[in-house]
């Protein structure tokens, strides 16, 4: 019987490293090898695009310049996504979703972002479980409160940022027609 660990070791010792790993080794960078001290981590790794992404990130991190460049790139990309998300929060749309996505981008490189993302996931899941366990009238009331809140935020955003007062215009229209 062949175990998972032995099949991974047999596959990797069968030949020289391939692709990006070979190129990195030829330039003198350290490349993690299966069967070494990181075998457990490598065995847990998923196949497919996530595995390739993880391997690529490891290769970039193996080079000190690459590690710094990756941190800068991830930091700037996450900041752009979070900034766009924060700008879209008052408007109807995916504001909070973009903020959480930006946090996910930061979580690739920064430990504090991983912890904050885990905290956010826990609380969103707890809130969702709590709401779905309530009766239908209470869920409808919570939805109505959320709709009123979003409406007030949109009204205030339009009034103070663009100078459009929807309530005054609606009242004026109703009074004149």
Protein backbone atom coordinates (compact mmCIF):
# COMPACT_ATOMS: atom_id res chain seq x y z
CA UNK A 1 0.00 0.00 0.00
CA UNK A 2 1.34 3.40 -0.95
CA UNK A 3 0.73 6.30 1.39
CA UNK A 4 0.15 9.84 0.27
CA UNK A 5 3.52 11.04 1.59
CA UNK A 6 5.48 8.32 -0.17
CA UNK A 7 3.73 8.94 -3.49
CA UNK A 8 4.54 12.65 -3.25
CA UNK A 9 8.17 11.87 -2.43
CA UNK A 10 8.37 9.32 -5.25
CA UNK A 11 7.00 11.83 -7.73
CA UNK A 12 9.39 14.59 -6.72
CA UNK A 13 12.56 12.47 -6.58
CA UNK A 14 11.87 11.00 -10.00
CA UNK A 15 13.39 13.91 -11.86
CA UNK A 16 14.77 17.42 -11.72
CA UNK A 17 12.58 20.35 -10.70
CA UNK A 18 10.32 21.73 -13.40
CA UNK A 19 9.34 25.15 -14.68
CA UNK A 20 9.68 28.08 -12.33
CA UNK A 21 11.40 25.99 -9.65
CA UNK A 22 14.19 25.01 -12.05
CA UNK A 23 14.63 28.61 -13.18
CA UNK A 24 14.79 29.83 -9.58
CA UNK A 25 17.33 27.17 -8.62
CA UNK A 26 19.49 28.02 -11.64
CA UNK A 27 19.63 31.61 -10.38
CA UNK A 28 20.76 30.43 -6.94
CA UNK A 29 17.50 30.87 -5.03
CA UNK A 30 16.33 28.42 -2.41
CA UNK A 31 13.32 26.42 -3.58
CA UNK A 32 11.34 24.30 -1.10
CA UNK A 33 11.67 20.61 -1.98
CA UNK A 34 9.21 17.87 -1.12
CA UNK A 35 10.58 15.49 1.48
CA UNK A 36 12.41 18.34 3.21
CA UNK A 37 11.37 20.07 6.41
CA UNK A 38 8.24 21.54 4.78
CA UNK A 39 6.76 18.21 3.59
CA UNK A 40 3.64 18.49 5.75
CA UNK A 41 2.90 21.93 4.34
CA UNK A 42 3.45 20.75 0.78
CA UNK A 43 1.27 17.66 1.25
CA UNK A 44 -1.61 19.81 2.52
CA UNK A 45 -1.40 22.09 -0.47
CA UNK A 46 -4.27 21.93 -2.94
CA UNK A 47 -3.84 21.07 -6.56
CA UNK A 48 -4.91 23.33 -9.39
CA UNK A 49 -4.66 27.08 -9.62
CA UNK A 50 -4.42 27.58 -5.85
CA UNK A 51 -1.43 25.26 -5.67
CA UNK A 52 0.26 27.03 -8.59
CA UNK A 53 -0.42 30.42 -7.00
CA UNK A 54 1.00 29.24 -3.68
CA UNK A 55 4.11 27.86 -5.38
CA UNK A 56 4.60 31.09 -7.34
CA UNK A 57 4.29 33.16 -4.16
CA UNK A 58 6.84 30.91 -2.42
CA UNK A 59 9.26 31.38 -5.30
CA UNK A 60 8.84 35.15 -5.15
CA UNK A 61 9.33 35.13 -1.38
CA UNK A 62 12.52 33.04 -1.73
CA UNK A 63 14.28 36.12 -3.13
CA UNK A 64 14.73 39.05 -0.70
CA UNK A 65 14.00 41.59 -3.43
CA UNK A 66 10.96 39.61 -4.54
CA UNK A 67 9.71 39.43 -0.96
CA UNK A 68 9.84 43.22 -0.57
CA UNK A 69 8.36 43.82 -4.03
CA UNK A 70 5.53 41.36 -3.27
CA UNK A 71 4.74 43.11 0.03
CA UNK A 72 4.66 46.50 -1.72
CA UNK A 73 2.50 45.18 -4.59
CA UNK A 74 0.05 43.42 -2.25
CA UNK A 75 -0.08 46.49 0.02
CA UNK A 76 -0.83 48.89 -2.85
CA UNK A 77 -3.35 46.56 -4.54
CA UNK A 78 -5.17 45.94 -1.25
CA UNK A 79 -5.21 49.68 -0.49
CA UNK A 80 -6.73 50.47 -3.90
CA UNK A 81 -9.46 47.82 -3.48
CA UNK A 82 -10.24 48.91 0.09
CA UNK A 83 -10.29 52.60 -0.91
CA UNK A 84 -12.72 51.96 -3.77
CA UNK A 85 -14.85 49.86 -1.40
CA UNK A 86 -14.93 52.57 1.25
CA UNK A 87 -15.89 55.14 -1.39
CA UNK A 88 -18.77 52.88 -2.48
CA UNK A 89 -20.11 52.10 1.01
CA UNK A 90 -22.64 54.96 1.08
CA UNK A 91 -23.92 54.07 -2.38
CA UNK A 92 -26.01 51.05 -3.18
CA UNK A 93 -23.68 48.37 -4.44
CA UNK A 94 -20.78 46.21 -3.39
CA UNK A 95 -18.99 48.64 -1.03
CA UNK A 96 -18.57 46.30 1.93
CA UNK A 97 -17.87 43.38 -0.39
CA UNK A 98 -14.95 45.29 -1.92
CA UNK A 99 -13.62 46.26 1.51
CA UNK A 100 -13.63 42.58 2.53
CA UNK A 101 -12.06 41.61 -0.82
CA UNK A 102 -9.29 44.17 -0.23
CA UNK A 103 -8.78 42.70 3.22
CA UNK A 104 -8.47 39.29 1.54
CA UNK A 105 -5.80 40.69 -0.79
CA UNK A 106 -3.88 42.05 2.19
CA UNK A 107 -4.28 38.70 3.99
CA UNK A 108 -2.03 37.09 1.36
CA UNK A 109 0.97 38.91 2.85
CA UNK A 110 0.05 40.47 6.19
CA UNK A 111 -0.74 38.54 9.38
CA UNK A 112 -2.86 41.34 10.89
CA UNK A 113 -5.12 41.26 7.81
CA UNK A 114 -5.52 37.47 8.12
CA UNK A 115 -6.63 37.88 11.74
CA UNK A 116 -9.01 40.73 10.87
CA UNK A 117 -10.47 38.74 7.98
CA UNK A 118 -11.02 35.72 10.25
CA UNK A 119 -12.69 38.00 12.82
CA UNK A 120 -14.95 39.46 10.12
CA UNK A 121 -15.90 36.02 8.79
CA UNK A 122 -16.74 34.77 12.29
CA UNK A 123 -19.00 37.73 13.03
CA UNK A 124 -20.72 37.77 9.64
CA UNK A 125 -21.41 34.02 9.98
CA UNK A 126 -22.70 34.49 13.53
CA UNK A 127 -24.97 37.36 12.41
CA UNK A 128 -26.27 35.31 9.47
CA UNK A 129 -27.00 32.31 11.70
CA UNK A 130 -28.76 34.54 14.23
CA UNK A 131 -30.94 36.25 11.60
CA UNK A 132 -31.88 33.02 9.83
CA UNK A 133 -32.89 31.42 13.13
CA UNK A 134 -35.48 34.17 13.77
CA UNK A 135 -39.09 34.25 12.65
CA UNK A 136 -40.12 35.62 9.25
CA UNK A 137 -41.76 38.81 10.66
CA UNK A 138 -38.59 39.67 12.57
CA UNK A 139 -36.44 39.07 9.47
CA UNK A 140 -38.78 41.34 7.47
CA UNK A 141 -38.49 44.02 10.17
CA UNK A 142 -34.68 43.74 10.12
CA UNK A 143 -34.75 44.02 6.31
CA UNK A 144 -36.98 47.11 6.53
CA UNK A 145 -34.64 48.74 9.06
CA UNK A 146 -31.70 47.99 6.77
CA UNK A 147 -33.55 49.45 3.78
CA UNK A 148 -34.40 52.63 5.72
CA UNK A 149 -30.78 52.95 6.84
CA UNK A 150 -29.45 52.58 3.28
CA UNK A 151 -32.05 55.04 1.99
CA UNK A 152 -31.06 57.66 4.57
CA UNK A 153 -27.36 57.17 3.75
CA UNK A 154 -28.03 57.54 0.00
CA UNK A 155 -30.21 60.64 0.61
CA UNK A 156 -27.56 62.29 2.82
CA UNK A 157 -24.79 61.36 0.37
CA UNK A 158 -26.64 62.91 -2.55
CA UNK A 159 -27.66 65.97 -0.54
CA UNK A 160 -24.24 66.86 0.85
CA UNK A 161 -21.91 65.60 -1.87
CA UNK A 162 -23.85 66.49 -5.04
CA UNK A 163 -26.29 69.08 -3.69
CA UNK A 164 -29.37 67.07 -4.75
CA UNK A 165 -32.09 67.01 -2.10
CA UNK A 166 -34.46 64.25 -3.20
CA UNK A 167 -36.92 64.82 -0.35
CA UNK A 168 -37.29 68.54 -1.10
CA UNK A 169 -37.66 67.87 -4.83
CA UNK A 170 -40.28 65.16 -4.19
CA UNK A 171 -42.26 67.42 -1.83
CA UNK A 172 -42.05 70.28 -4.34
CA UNK A 173 -43.24 68.00 -7.15
CA UNK A 174 -46.16 66.71 -5.08
CA UNK A 175 -47.17 70.25 -4.09
CA UNK A 176 -47.14 71.58 -7.66
CA UNK A 177 -48.81 68.67 -9.46
